[in-house]
N, C-alpha and C. Protein backbone atom coordinates (compact mmCIF):
# COMPACT_ATOMS: atom_id res chain seq x y z
N MET A 1 -24.56 -42.32 206.84
CA MET A 1 -24.70 -42.61 205.43
C MET A 1 -25.89 -43.56 205.22
N ARG A 2 -26.71 -43.28 204.22
CA ARG A 2 -27.86 -44.14 203.92
C ARG A 2 -27.38 -45.51 203.48
N VAL A 3 -28.15 -46.52 203.82
CA VAL A 3 -27.74 -47.90 203.56
C VAL A 3 -27.49 -48.18 202.08
N GLU A 4 -28.24 -47.53 201.20
CA GLU A 4 -28.04 -47.75 199.76
C GLU A 4 -26.64 -47.31 199.33
N PHE A 5 -26.17 -46.22 199.95
CA PHE A 5 -24.84 -45.71 199.61
C PHE A 5 -23.75 -46.60 200.22
N GLN A 6 -24.02 -47.14 201.40
CA GLN A 6 -23.08 -48.11 201.99
C GLN A 6 -22.97 -49.33 201.09
N LEU A 7 -24.10 -49.80 200.58
CA LEU A 7 -24.10 -50.96 199.69
C LEU A 7 -23.31 -50.66 198.43
N LYS A 8 -23.52 -49.48 197.85
CA LYS A 8 -22.77 -49.10 196.64
C LYS A 8 -21.27 -49.12 196.92
N GLU A 9 -20.87 -48.55 198.03
CA GLU A 9 -19.44 -48.47 198.35
C GLU A 9 -18.83 -49.86 198.44
N ILE A 10 -19.49 -50.77 199.13
CA ILE A 10 -18.96 -52.12 199.31
C ILE A 10 -18.94 -52.88 197.99
N LEU A 11 -20.06 -52.83 197.25
CA LEU A 11 -20.13 -53.58 196.00
C LEU A 11 -19.13 -53.08 194.97
N THR A 12 -18.99 -51.77 194.84
CA THR A 12 -18.05 -51.25 193.85
C THR A 12 -16.61 -51.50 194.27
N ARG A 13 -16.33 -51.38 195.56
CA ARG A 13 -14.97 -51.65 196.04
C ARG A 13 -14.58 -53.10 195.80
N LYS A 14 -15.53 -54.01 196.00
CA LYS A 14 -15.24 -55.43 195.85
C LYS A 14 -15.52 -55.97 194.44
N GLY A 15 -16.10 -55.13 193.58
CA GLY A 15 -16.41 -55.56 192.22
C GLY A 15 -17.50 -56.62 192.16
N LEU A 16 -18.53 -56.46 193.01
CA LEU A 16 -19.60 -57.45 193.11
C LEU A 16 -20.90 -56.93 192.51
N THR A 17 -21.79 -57.87 192.18
CA THR A 17 -23.10 -57.53 191.63
C THR A 17 -24.20 -58.07 192.54
N VAL A 18 -25.40 -57.47 192.43
CA VAL A 18 -26.53 -57.85 193.28
C VAL A 18 -27.81 -57.93 192.46
N SER A 19 -28.72 -58.80 192.91
CA SER A 19 -30.06 -58.91 192.34
C SER A 19 -31.05 -59.04 193.48
N THR A 20 -32.34 -58.84 193.17
CA THR A 20 -33.37 -58.90 194.20
C THR A 20 -34.53 -59.79 193.77
N ALA A 21 -35.14 -60.45 194.76
CA ALA A 21 -36.36 -61.23 194.57
C ALA A 21 -37.32 -60.77 195.65
N GLU A 22 -38.39 -60.09 195.25
CA GLU A 22 -39.26 -59.47 196.22
C GLU A 22 -40.70 -59.94 196.08
N SER A 23 -41.31 -60.14 197.23
CA SER A 23 -42.75 -60.41 197.26
C SER A 23 -43.41 -59.25 198.00
N CYS A 24 -43.41 -59.26 199.32
CA CYS A 24 -44.14 -58.25 200.09
C CYS A 24 -43.66 -56.82 199.85
N THR A 25 -42.41 -56.63 199.52
CA THR A 25 -41.89 -55.28 199.30
C THR A 25 -42.18 -54.77 197.89
N GLY A 26 -42.62 -55.62 197.01
CA GLY A 26 -43.11 -55.20 195.69
C GLY A 26 -42.18 -54.33 194.88
N GLY A 27 -40.89 -54.52 194.99
CA GLY A 27 -39.92 -53.74 194.22
C GLY A 27 -39.27 -52.61 194.98
N LEU A 28 -39.62 -52.41 196.25
CA LEU A 28 -39.04 -51.30 197.01
C LEU A 28 -37.55 -51.48 197.27
N VAL A 29 -37.10 -52.72 197.44
CA VAL A 29 -35.66 -52.95 197.65
C VAL A 29 -34.91 -52.52 196.39
N ALA A 30 -35.36 -52.99 195.25
CA ALA A 30 -34.72 -52.61 193.98
C ALA A 30 -34.77 -51.09 193.78
N ALA A 31 -35.91 -50.48 194.10
CA ALA A 31 -36.04 -49.04 193.94
C ALA A 31 -35.04 -48.28 194.81
N ARG A 32 -34.86 -48.71 196.04
CA ARG A 32 -33.89 -48.05 196.92
C ARG A 32 -32.47 -48.19 196.35
N ILE A 33 -32.16 -49.37 195.84
CA ILE A 33 -30.82 -49.59 195.28
C ILE A 33 -30.60 -48.69 194.07
N VAL A 34 -31.58 -48.61 193.17
CA VAL A 34 -31.38 -47.82 191.94
C VAL A 34 -31.56 -46.33 192.15
N ASN A 35 -31.99 -45.91 193.33
CA ASN A 35 -32.02 -44.48 193.64
C ASN A 35 -30.62 -43.89 193.69
N VAL A 36 -29.61 -44.73 193.84
CA VAL A 36 -28.23 -44.28 193.96
C VAL A 36 -27.62 -44.12 192.56
N PRO A 37 -27.08 -42.94 192.24
CA PRO A 37 -26.43 -42.77 190.95
C PRO A 37 -25.29 -43.78 190.77
N GLY A 38 -25.20 -44.36 189.59
CA GLY A 38 -24.16 -45.34 189.31
C GLY A 38 -24.53 -46.76 189.66
N SER A 39 -25.77 -46.98 190.11
CA SER A 39 -26.17 -48.33 190.53
C SER A 39 -26.17 -49.34 189.39
N SER A 40 -26.17 -48.87 188.15
CA SER A 40 -26.14 -49.81 187.02
C SER A 40 -24.82 -50.57 186.96
N GLU A 41 -23.82 -50.10 187.71
CA GLU A 41 -22.54 -50.81 187.76
C GLU A 41 -22.64 -52.12 188.53
N TYR A 42 -23.56 -52.21 189.47
CA TYR A 42 -23.62 -53.39 190.34
C TYR A 42 -25.01 -54.01 190.49
N PHE A 43 -26.08 -53.27 190.18
CA PHE A 43 -27.42 -53.85 190.27
C PHE A 43 -27.80 -54.38 188.90
N MET A 44 -27.98 -55.70 188.81
CA MET A 44 -28.24 -56.35 187.53
C MET A 44 -29.73 -56.48 187.23
N GLY A 45 -30.57 -56.57 188.26
CA GLY A 45 -32.00 -56.70 188.03
C GLY A 45 -32.69 -57.35 189.20
N GLY A 46 -34.01 -57.44 189.08
CA GLY A 46 -34.80 -58.03 190.15
C GLY A 46 -36.09 -58.61 189.63
N VAL A 47 -36.72 -59.41 190.48
CA VAL A 47 -38.00 -60.04 190.16
C VAL A 47 -38.97 -59.73 191.28
N VAL A 48 -40.14 -59.23 190.93
CA VAL A 48 -41.22 -59.10 191.89
C VAL A 48 -42.10 -60.32 191.69
N ALA A 49 -41.99 -61.24 192.62
CA ALA A 49 -42.71 -62.52 192.54
C ALA A 49 -43.82 -62.53 193.58
N TYR A 50 -44.90 -61.87 193.27
CA TYR A 50 -45.98 -61.75 194.23
C TYR A 50 -46.80 -63.03 194.31
N ASP A 51 -47.07 -63.62 193.17
CA ASP A 51 -47.85 -64.85 193.13
C ASP A 51 -46.94 -66.07 193.23
N ASN A 52 -47.44 -67.12 193.87
CA ASN A 52 -46.64 -68.33 194.02
C ASN A 52 -46.21 -68.93 192.69
N SER A 53 -47.04 -68.78 191.66
CA SER A 53 -46.67 -69.34 190.35
C SER A 53 -45.40 -68.68 189.82
N VAL A 54 -45.22 -67.40 190.09
CA VAL A 54 -44.00 -66.70 189.66
C VAL A 54 -42.81 -67.15 190.50
N LYS A 55 -43.05 -67.34 191.79
CA LYS A 55 -41.97 -67.85 192.65
C LYS A 55 -41.47 -69.19 192.10
N MET A 56 -42.40 -70.04 191.67
CA MET A 56 -42.01 -71.36 191.18
C MET A 56 -41.42 -71.29 189.77
N LYS A 57 -42.10 -70.64 188.84
CA LYS A 57 -41.68 -70.63 187.43
C LYS A 57 -40.41 -69.82 187.18
N VAL A 58 -40.28 -68.70 187.86
CA VAL A 58 -39.16 -67.80 187.58
C VAL A 58 -38.00 -68.00 188.56
N LEU A 59 -38.32 -68.18 189.84
CA LEU A 59 -37.28 -68.25 190.86
C LEU A 59 -36.95 -69.67 191.30
N ASN A 60 -37.63 -70.65 190.74
CA ASN A 60 -37.40 -72.06 191.08
C ASN A 60 -37.65 -72.40 192.54
N VAL A 61 -38.60 -71.72 193.16
CA VAL A 61 -39.04 -72.12 194.49
C VAL A 61 -39.84 -73.42 194.29
N LYS A 62 -39.53 -74.42 195.07
CA LYS A 62 -40.19 -75.72 194.91
C LYS A 62 -41.65 -75.66 195.39
N ALA A 63 -42.52 -76.32 194.63
CA ALA A 63 -43.93 -76.42 195.02
C ALA A 63 -44.05 -77.05 196.40
N GLU A 64 -43.20 -78.03 196.68
CA GLU A 64 -43.23 -78.71 197.98
C GLU A 64 -42.92 -77.73 199.12
N THR A 65 -42.01 -76.82 198.87
CA THR A 65 -41.66 -75.81 199.88
C THR A 65 -42.86 -74.94 200.19
N LEU A 66 -43.54 -74.49 199.14
CA LEU A 66 -44.71 -73.63 199.32
C LEU A 66 -45.84 -74.38 200.02
N LEU A 67 -46.03 -75.64 199.67
CA LEU A 67 -47.09 -76.44 200.31
C LEU A 67 -46.78 -76.72 201.77
N LYS A 68 -45.54 -77.07 202.06
CA LYS A 68 -45.18 -77.46 203.42
C LYS A 68 -45.02 -76.27 204.37
N TYR A 69 -44.37 -75.21 203.88
CA TYR A 69 -44.02 -74.08 204.75
C TYR A 69 -44.80 -72.80 204.46
N GLY A 70 -45.32 -72.68 203.25
CA GLY A 70 -46.03 -71.47 202.85
C GLY A 70 -45.12 -70.46 202.17
N ALA A 71 -45.74 -69.50 201.50
CA ALA A 71 -44.98 -68.46 200.80
C ALA A 71 -44.21 -67.59 201.76
N VAL A 72 -44.76 -67.38 202.95
CA VAL A 72 -44.12 -66.55 203.96
C VAL A 72 -43.42 -67.49 204.94
N SER A 73 -42.17 -67.80 204.61
CA SER A 73 -41.40 -68.74 205.43
C SER A 73 -39.91 -68.56 205.18
N GLU A 74 -39.14 -69.05 206.12
CA GLU A 74 -37.68 -69.03 205.98
C GLU A 74 -37.25 -69.80 204.74
N GLU A 75 -37.88 -70.94 204.53
CA GLU A 75 -37.50 -71.81 203.42
C GLU A 75 -37.76 -71.14 202.07
N THR A 76 -38.90 -70.48 201.95
CA THR A 76 -39.23 -69.79 200.69
C THR A 76 -38.27 -68.62 200.46
N ALA A 77 -37.99 -67.85 201.51
CA ALA A 77 -37.05 -66.74 201.36
C ALA A 77 -35.68 -67.23 200.91
N ARG A 78 -35.25 -68.37 201.44
CA ARG A 78 -33.96 -68.95 201.06
C ARG A 78 -33.96 -69.34 199.58
N GLU A 79 -35.00 -70.03 199.14
CA GLU A 79 -35.08 -70.45 197.75
C GLU A 79 -35.22 -69.27 196.80
N MET A 80 -35.91 -68.22 197.23
CA MET A 80 -36.02 -67.01 196.41
C MET A 80 -34.66 -66.35 196.22
N ALA A 81 -33.89 -66.24 197.30
CA ALA A 81 -32.57 -65.61 197.23
C ALA A 81 -31.65 -66.40 196.31
N LEU A 82 -31.66 -67.71 196.44
CA LEU A 82 -30.82 -68.54 195.58
C LEU A 82 -31.31 -68.52 194.14
N GLY A 83 -32.63 -68.55 193.97
CA GLY A 83 -33.21 -68.57 192.63
C GLY A 83 -32.90 -67.33 191.82
N VAL A 84 -33.01 -66.16 192.43
CA VAL A 84 -32.75 -64.93 191.67
C VAL A 84 -31.26 -64.77 191.37
N LYS A 85 -30.44 -65.22 192.31
CA LYS A 85 -28.99 -65.13 192.08
C LYS A 85 -28.59 -66.00 190.89
N GLU A 86 -29.17 -67.18 190.83
CA GLU A 86 -28.91 -68.10 189.72
C GLU A 86 -29.49 -67.56 188.41
N LEU A 87 -30.72 -67.09 188.47
CA LEU A 87 -31.40 -66.58 187.28
C LEU A 87 -30.65 -65.42 186.64
N ILE A 88 -30.22 -64.47 187.46
CA ILE A 88 -29.60 -63.26 186.93
C ILE A 88 -28.07 -63.37 186.88
N GLY A 89 -27.52 -64.26 187.67
CA GLY A 89 -26.08 -64.48 187.62
C GLY A 89 -25.28 -63.46 188.40
N THR A 90 -25.71 -63.18 189.63
CA THR A 90 -25.03 -62.17 190.45
C THR A 90 -24.25 -62.83 191.58
N ASP A 91 -23.39 -62.03 192.20
CA ASP A 91 -22.62 -62.49 193.36
C ASP A 91 -23.46 -62.51 194.63
N CYS A 92 -24.38 -61.56 194.74
CA CYS A 92 -25.20 -61.36 195.94
C CYS A 92 -26.66 -61.27 195.56
N SER A 93 -27.53 -61.54 196.54
CA SER A 93 -28.95 -61.33 196.30
C SER A 93 -29.66 -61.04 197.61
N ILE A 94 -30.85 -60.45 197.44
CA ILE A 94 -31.74 -60.14 198.56
C ILE A 94 -33.11 -60.69 198.20
N SER A 95 -33.78 -61.31 199.19
CA SER A 95 -35.16 -61.73 198.97
C SER A 95 -36.03 -61.26 200.13
N THR A 96 -37.30 -60.98 199.82
CA THR A 96 -38.26 -60.60 200.85
C THR A 96 -39.58 -61.33 200.62
N THR A 97 -40.16 -61.82 201.69
CA THR A 97 -41.49 -62.40 201.63
C THR A 97 -42.16 -62.18 202.98
N GLY A 98 -43.40 -61.72 202.96
CA GLY A 98 -44.04 -61.42 204.23
C GLY A 98 -45.50 -61.07 204.09
N ILE A 99 -46.07 -60.65 205.20
CA ILE A 99 -47.48 -60.25 205.28
C ILE A 99 -47.52 -58.78 205.68
N ALA A 100 -47.66 -57.92 204.68
CA ALA A 100 -47.66 -56.49 204.95
C ALA A 100 -48.97 -56.02 205.59
N GLY A 101 -50.05 -56.76 205.36
CA GLY A 101 -51.35 -56.42 205.92
C GLY A 101 -52.11 -55.45 205.03
N PRO A 102 -53.23 -54.99 205.43
CA PRO A 102 -53.88 -55.21 206.71
C PRO A 102 -54.62 -56.55 206.80
N THR A 103 -54.63 -57.31 205.71
CA THR A 103 -55.27 -58.63 205.74
C THR A 103 -54.20 -59.70 205.55
N GLY A 104 -54.58 -60.94 205.75
CA GLY A 104 -53.67 -62.05 205.50
C GLY A 104 -52.98 -62.61 206.71
N GLY A 105 -53.01 -61.88 207.82
CA GLY A 105 -52.35 -62.36 209.02
C GLY A 105 -53.17 -63.43 209.74
N THR A 106 -52.45 -64.30 210.44
CA THR A 106 -53.07 -65.34 211.26
C THR A 106 -52.34 -65.35 212.60
N PRO A 107 -52.86 -66.08 213.59
CA PRO A 107 -52.11 -66.17 214.85
C PRO A 107 -50.70 -66.75 214.66
N GLU A 108 -50.54 -67.70 213.75
CA GLU A 108 -49.22 -68.30 213.50
C GLU A 108 -48.32 -67.38 212.66
N LYS A 109 -48.94 -66.66 211.75
CA LYS A 109 -48.21 -65.75 210.86
C LYS A 109 -48.91 -64.39 210.89
N PRO A 110 -48.54 -63.56 211.87
CA PRO A 110 -49.24 -62.28 212.06
C PRO A 110 -48.88 -61.23 211.01
N GLU A 111 -49.74 -60.25 210.93
CA GLU A 111 -49.49 -59.08 210.10
C GLU A 111 -48.12 -58.49 210.48
N GLY A 112 -47.32 -58.18 209.49
CA GLY A 112 -45.99 -57.63 209.74
C GLY A 112 -44.88 -58.67 209.69
N LEU A 113 -45.23 -59.97 209.73
CA LEU A 113 -44.21 -61.03 209.65
C LEU A 113 -43.51 -60.94 208.30
N THR A 114 -42.19 -60.92 208.34
CA THR A 114 -41.40 -60.82 207.12
C THR A 114 -40.14 -61.66 207.26
N TYR A 115 -39.81 -62.37 206.20
CA TYR A 115 -38.55 -63.09 206.11
C TYR A 115 -37.70 -62.40 205.06
N ILE A 116 -36.46 -62.14 205.42
CA ILE A 116 -35.52 -61.50 204.51
C ILE A 116 -34.34 -62.44 204.33
N GLY A 117 -34.04 -62.74 203.08
CA GLY A 117 -32.89 -63.56 202.76
C GLY A 117 -31.80 -62.71 202.13
N VAL A 118 -30.56 -62.94 202.54
CA VAL A 118 -29.41 -62.29 201.91
C VAL A 118 -28.41 -63.37 201.55
N SER A 119 -27.86 -63.25 200.37
CA SER A 119 -26.95 -64.28 199.89
C SER A 119 -25.70 -63.65 199.31
N PHE A 120 -24.57 -64.30 199.57
CA PHE A 120 -23.29 -63.90 199.00
C PHE A 120 -22.55 -65.17 198.63
N ARG A 121 -22.28 -65.32 197.36
CA ARG A 121 -21.66 -66.53 196.83
C ARG A 121 -22.46 -67.76 197.27
N ASP A 122 -21.87 -68.69 198.01
CA ASP A 122 -22.59 -69.91 198.39
C ASP A 122 -23.33 -69.80 199.72
N ARG A 123 -23.28 -68.65 200.34
CA ARG A 123 -23.88 -68.48 201.67
C ARG A 123 -25.23 -67.78 201.56
N VAL A 124 -26.20 -68.31 202.30
CA VAL A 124 -27.52 -67.67 202.38
C VAL A 124 -27.91 -67.59 203.85
N GLU A 125 -28.30 -66.42 204.30
CA GLU A 125 -28.80 -66.22 205.65
C GLU A 125 -30.22 -65.66 205.56
N VAL A 126 -31.11 -66.19 206.38
CA VAL A 126 -32.50 -65.72 206.39
C VAL A 126 -32.84 -65.24 207.79
N PHE A 127 -33.51 -64.10 207.85
CA PHE A 127 -33.87 -63.46 209.11
C PHE A 127 -35.37 -63.25 209.18
N LYS A 128 -35.92 -63.43 210.37
CA LYS A 128 -37.35 -63.27 210.60
C LYS A 128 -37.60 -62.00 211.40
N PHE A 129 -38.57 -61.23 210.95
CA PHE A 129 -38.95 -59.99 211.64
C PHE A 129 -40.47 -59.90 211.72
N ILE A 130 -40.93 -59.19 212.73
CA ILE A 130 -42.33 -58.76 212.75
C ILE A 130 -42.28 -57.24 212.83
N PHE A 131 -42.59 -56.61 211.71
CA PHE A 131 -42.55 -55.15 211.65
C PHE A 131 -43.88 -54.60 212.16
N GLU A 132 -43.80 -54.01 213.34
CA GLU A 132 -44.98 -53.42 213.97
C GLU A 132 -45.22 -52.03 213.39
N ASP A 133 -46.48 -51.64 213.37
CA ASP A 133 -46.83 -50.28 212.98
C ASP A 133 -48.20 -49.97 213.53
N ASN A 134 -48.34 -48.83 214.15
CA ASN A 134 -49.60 -48.48 214.81
C ASN A 134 -50.39 -47.39 214.11
N ASP A 135 -50.02 -47.08 212.88
CA ASP A 135 -50.76 -46.04 212.16
C ASP A 135 -52.22 -46.48 212.03
N PRO A 136 -53.16 -45.59 212.32
CA PRO A 136 -54.58 -45.97 212.22
C PRO A 136 -55.03 -46.26 210.78
N ASP A 137 -54.34 -45.72 209.82
CA ASP A 137 -54.68 -45.94 208.41
C ASP A 137 -54.06 -47.26 207.94
N PRO A 138 -54.88 -48.25 207.55
CA PRO A 138 -54.33 -49.55 207.18
C PRO A 138 -53.39 -49.51 205.98
N VAL A 139 -53.63 -48.60 205.05
CA VAL A 139 -52.75 -48.50 203.89
C VAL A 139 -51.38 -47.94 204.30
N LYS A 140 -51.39 -46.94 205.17
CA LYS A 140 -50.13 -46.40 205.67
C LYS A 140 -49.36 -47.44 206.48
N ARG A 141 -50.10 -48.21 207.30
CA ARG A 141 -49.48 -49.28 208.09
C ARG A 141 -48.78 -50.27 207.16
N ARG A 142 -49.49 -50.69 206.13
CA ARG A 142 -48.95 -51.63 205.15
C ARG A 142 -47.67 -51.09 204.52
N ASN A 143 -47.74 -49.86 204.03
CA ASN A 143 -46.60 -49.29 203.33
C ASN A 143 -45.44 -48.96 204.25
N ASN A 144 -45.74 -48.61 205.49
CA ASN A 144 -44.66 -48.41 206.47
C ASN A 144 -43.91 -49.71 206.70
N ARG A 145 -44.64 -50.82 206.81
CA ARG A 145 -43.99 -52.12 206.98
C ARG A 145 -43.13 -52.47 205.77
N ARG A 146 -43.64 -52.22 204.59
CA ARG A 146 -42.89 -52.51 203.37
C ARG A 146 -41.59 -51.70 203.31
N ARG A 147 -41.68 -50.42 203.69
CA ARG A 147 -40.48 -49.58 203.69
C ARG A 147 -39.46 -50.05 204.72
N LYS A 148 -39.95 -50.42 205.91
CA LYS A 148 -39.04 -50.93 206.95
C LYS A 148 -38.34 -52.20 206.47
N ALA A 149 -39.08 -53.09 205.83
CA ALA A 149 -38.50 -54.34 205.34
C ALA A 149 -37.46 -54.08 204.25
N ALA A 150 -37.73 -53.15 203.36
CA ALA A 150 -36.78 -52.84 202.28
C ALA A 150 -35.47 -52.29 202.84
N LYS A 151 -35.58 -51.37 203.79
CA LYS A 151 -34.38 -50.80 204.40
C LYS A 151 -33.59 -51.87 205.15
N LYS A 152 -34.30 -52.70 205.93
CA LYS A 152 -33.64 -53.74 206.71
C LYS A 152 -32.95 -54.74 205.78
N ALA A 153 -33.55 -55.05 204.66
CA ALA A 153 -32.97 -56.01 203.72
C ALA A 153 -31.61 -55.52 203.22
N ILE A 154 -31.52 -54.26 202.88
CA ILE A 154 -30.25 -53.70 202.40
C ILE A 154 -29.23 -53.67 203.54
N GLN A 155 -29.68 -53.29 204.74
CA GLN A 155 -28.78 -53.29 205.90
C GLN A 155 -28.19 -54.68 206.13
N LEU A 156 -29.02 -55.70 206.00
CA LEU A 156 -28.54 -57.07 206.24
C LEU A 156 -27.51 -57.51 205.20
N LEU A 157 -27.73 -57.14 203.94
CA LEU A 157 -26.72 -57.49 202.93
C LEU A 157 -25.42 -56.76 203.21
N VAL A 158 -25.49 -55.50 203.60
CA VAL A 158 -24.28 -54.75 203.96
C VAL A 158 -23.53 -55.48 205.09
N LYS A 159 -24.26 -55.89 206.12
CA LYS A 159 -23.63 -56.60 207.25
C LYS A 159 -22.99 -57.91 206.80
N LEU A 160 -23.69 -58.64 205.93
CA LEU A 160 -23.13 -59.91 205.43
C LEU A 160 -21.85 -59.65 204.67
N LEU A 161 -21.84 -58.65 203.83
CA LEU A 161 -20.65 -58.34 203.01
C LEU A 161 -19.50 -57.80 203.86
N GLU A 162 -19.83 -57.17 204.98
CA GLU A 162 -18.80 -56.67 205.89
C GLU A 162 -18.28 -57.75 206.85
N GLY A 163 -18.87 -58.94 206.77
CA GLY A 163 -18.46 -60.03 207.65
C GLY A 163 -19.02 -59.91 209.07
N LYS A 164 -20.10 -59.13 209.24
CA LYS A 164 -20.68 -58.93 210.57
C LYS A 164 -21.85 -59.87 210.84
N ILE A 165 -22.13 -60.73 209.89
CA ILE A 165 -23.17 -61.76 210.07
C ILE A 165 -22.50 -63.10 209.82
């Protein structure tokens, strides 16, 4: 079963709602969720916060967090997940922030680095990944990473809701 359908089953069975805060995935997590018929029962909305000003103004990510750790960090992903959940008023949330490439990577934060936050009630878990891709086309590489991150984000929320994290 596709992860979006697993998420629907769990959320509808438990009567829960979800929201998303996305940077590097640019709305792909929300798009995967709403691809499922009936998703309006549990998906309340999402924010694509690509620029740091949106992360701060809309999602309440602290300026200090961005200065100290950067937009692509565990701390920012955590604040994004909490911020969107508070903003929209949902039980669960997903956040993504990363470097899809082909530019922007550094030795400390390489291309493909992604932080995914998943939250349920008062709990927030953040996971770090480096999504590798060897496609010679830089645009395909970028979008492959974004798709991998979106799928993994939904899988992680499913695991959290199932008590496997």
